[in-house]
Amino acid sequence: MGASRLSRWGPAVIHRDIQYTITATAEPDVWRWRFEIGGAVRSGTTQTRLAALAARRVQSKIDAVLKALASSSLERET
């Protein structure tokens, strides 16, 4: 993952060995997030007052992508 690309988004955080960023937007209670898995960059926004809840939502998205990738690789092996 290009750390220099993500650093423009703000401080990076790690969840399950995946680097992600969350930044506040100009709109109140809206957070922009971004992460990269397998060369594919995923980004979006989430609406919440709490930064910790925004982070948890991004972590859930990362978990879902990793689970989908794991199940698709298992299907290819069988």
C-alpha atoms as a PDB file:
ATOM      1  CA  MET A   1       0.000   0.000   0.000  1.00  0.00           C
ATOM      2  CA  GLY A   2       1.370   3.421  -0.854  1.00  0.00           C
ATOM      3  CA  ALA A   3       1.928   5.095   2.489  1.00  0.00           C
ATOM      4  CA  SER A   4       2.603   8.398   0.758  1.00  0.00           C
ATOM      5  CA  ARG A   5      -0.771   8.210  -0.968  1.00  0.00           C
ATOM      6  CA  LEU A   6      -2.613   7.555   2.254  1.00  0.00           C
ATOM      7  CA  SER A   7      -0.649  10.073   4.316  1.00  0.00           C
ATOM      8  CA  ARG A   8      -2.335  12.898   2.415  1.00  0.00           C
ATOM      9  CA  TRP A   9      -5.578  11.690   3.977  1.00  0.00           C
ATOM     10  CA  GLY A  10      -4.350  12.095   7.532  1.00  0.00           C
ATOM     11  CA  PRO A  11      -2.814   9.838  10.140  1.00  0.00           C
ATOM     12  CA  ALA A  12      -2.964   6.174   9.217  1.00  0.00           C
ATOM     13  CA  VAL A  13      -4.268   3.464  11.536  1.00  0.00           C
ATOM     14  CA  ILE A  14      -3.753  -0.311  11.233  1.00  0.00           C
ATOM     15  CA  HIS A  15      -6.492  -2.952  11.547  1.00  0.00           C
ATOM     16  CA  ARG A  16      -5.687  -6.587  10.724  1.00  0.00           C
ATOM     17  CA  ASP A  17      -2.494  -5.469   8.960  1.00  0.00           C
ATOM     18  CA  ILE A  18      -4.488  -3.098   6.719  1.00  0.00           C
ATOM     19  CA  GLN A  19      -3.635   0.588   6.853  1.00  0.00           C
ATOM     20  CA  TYR A  20      -6.631   2.928   6.788  1.00  0.00           C
ATOM     21  CA  THR A  21      -7.307   6.609   7.280  1.00  0.00           C
ATOM     22  CA  ILE A  22     -10.258   8.611   8.535  1.00  0.00           C
ATOM     23  CA  THR A  23     -10.562  12.363   8.158  1.00  0.00           C
ATOM     24  CA  ALA A  24     -13.250  14.833   9.121  1.00  0.00           C
ATOM     25  CA  THR A  25     -15.009  16.594   6.270  1.00  0.00           C
ATOM     26  CA  ALA A  26     -16.278  20.157   6.098  1.00  0.00           C
ATOM     27  CA  GLU A  27     -19.755  18.782   6.734  1.00  0.00           C
ATOM     28  CA  PRO A  28     -20.461  18.221  10.447  1.00  0.00           C
ATOM     29  CA  ASP A  29     -20.521  14.595  11.617  1.00  0.00           C
ATOM     30  CA  VAL A  30     -19.338  13.210   8.251  1.00  0.00           C
ATOM     31  CA  TRP A  31     -16.058  11.303   8.059  1.00  0.00           C
ATOM     32  CA  ARG A  32     -14.179  10.278   4.915  1.00  0.00           C
ATOM     33  CA  TRP A  33     -12.365   6.922   5.049  1.00  0.00           C
ATOM     34  CA  ARG A  34      -9.968   5.060   2.775  1.00  0.00           C
ATOM     35  CA  PHE A  35      -8.098   1.746   2.721  1.00  0.00           C
ATOM     36  CA  GLU A  36      -6.396  -0.529   0.217  1.00  0.00           C
ATOM     37  CA  ILE A  37      -6.508  -4.317  -0.001  1.00  0.00           C
ATOM     38  CA  GLY A  38      -4.930  -6.304  -2.803  1.00  0.00           C
ATOM     39  CA  GLY A  39      -4.211  -3.220  -4.866  1.00  0.00           C
ATOM     40  CA  ALA A  40      -7.839  -2.079  -4.805  1.00  0.00           C
ATOM     41  CA  VAL A  41      -8.473   1.215  -3.029  1.00  0.00           C
ATOM     42  CA  ARG A  42     -11.792   1.512  -1.259  1.00  0.00           C
ATOM     43  CA  SER A  43     -13.070   4.810   0.051  1.00  0.00           C
ATOM     44  CA  GLY A  44     -16.254   6.419   1.173  1.00  0.00           C
ATOM     45  CA  THR A  45     -17.940   8.411   3.887  1.00  0.00           C
ATOM     46  CA  THR A  46     -19.799   7.610   7.055  1.00  0.00           C
ATOM     47  CA  GLN A  47     -22.022   9.812   9.176  1.00  0.00           C
ATOM     48  CA  THR A  48     -21.568   9.806  12.939  1.00  0.00           C
ATOM     49  CA  ARG A  49     -20.666  12.279  15.657  1.00  0.00           C
ATOM     50  CA  LEU A  50     -17.940  10.093  17.138  1.00  0.00           C
ATOM     51  CA  ALA A  51     -14.584   9.480  15.469  1.00  0.00           C
ATOM     52  CA  ALA A  52     -14.303   6.156  17.310  1.00  0.00           C
ATOM     53  CA  LEU A  53     -17.575   4.951  15.795  1.00  0.00           C
ATOM     54  CA  ALA A  54     -16.414   6.031  12.328  1.00  0.00           C
ATOM     55  CA  ALA A  55     -13.229   4.009  12.884  1.00  0.00           C
ATOM     56  CA  ARG A  56     -15.236   0.974  13.978  1.00  0.00           C
ATOM     57  CA  ARG A  57     -17.345   1.187  10.828  1.00  0.00           C
ATOM     58  CA  VAL A  58     -14.224   1.225   8.658  1.00  0.00           C
ATOM     59  CA  GLN A  59     -12.840  -1.741  10.579  1.00  0.00           C
ATOM     60  CA  SER A  60     -16.081  -3.610   9.886  1.00  0.00           C
ATOM     61  CA  LYS A  61     -15.733  -2.849   6.172  1.00  0.00           C
ATOM     62  CA  ILE A  62     -12.150  -4.125   6.216  1.00  0.00           C
ATOM     63  CA  ASP A  63     -13.292  -7.312   7.969  1.00  0.00           C
ATOM     64  CA  ALA A  64     -16.013  -7.839   5.359  1.00  0.00           C
ATOM     65  CA  VAL A  65     -13.579  -7.425   2.453  1.00  0.00           C
ATOM     66  CA  LEU A  66     -11.034  -9.771   4.040  1.00  0.00           C
ATOM     67  CA  LYS A  67     -13.754 -12.358   4.697  1.00  0.00           C
ATOM     68  CA  ALA A  68     -14.974 -12.134   1.088  1.00  0.00           C
ATOM     69  CA  LEU A  69     -11.437 -12.525  -0.233  1.00  0.00           C
ATOM     70  CA  ALA A  70     -10.798 -15.508   2.038  1.00  0.00           C
ATOM     71  CA  SER A  71     -13.999 -17.265   0.998  1.00  0.00           C
ATOM     72  CA  SER A  72     -13.367 -16.619  -2.706  1.00  0.00           C
ATOM     73  CA  SER A  73      -9.848 -18.042  -2.421  1.00  0.00           C
ATOM     74  CA  LEU A  74     -11.224 -21.131  -0.641  1.00  0.00           C
ATOM     75  CA  GLU A  75     -13.782 -21.648  -3.418  1.00  0.00           C
ATOM     76  CA  ARG A  76     -11.019 -21.502  -6.051  1.00  0.00           C
ATOM     77  CA  GLU A  77      -8.994 -24.143  -4.187  1.00  0.00           C
ATOM     78  CA  THR A  78     -11.829 -26.690  -4.133  1.00  0.00           C
END
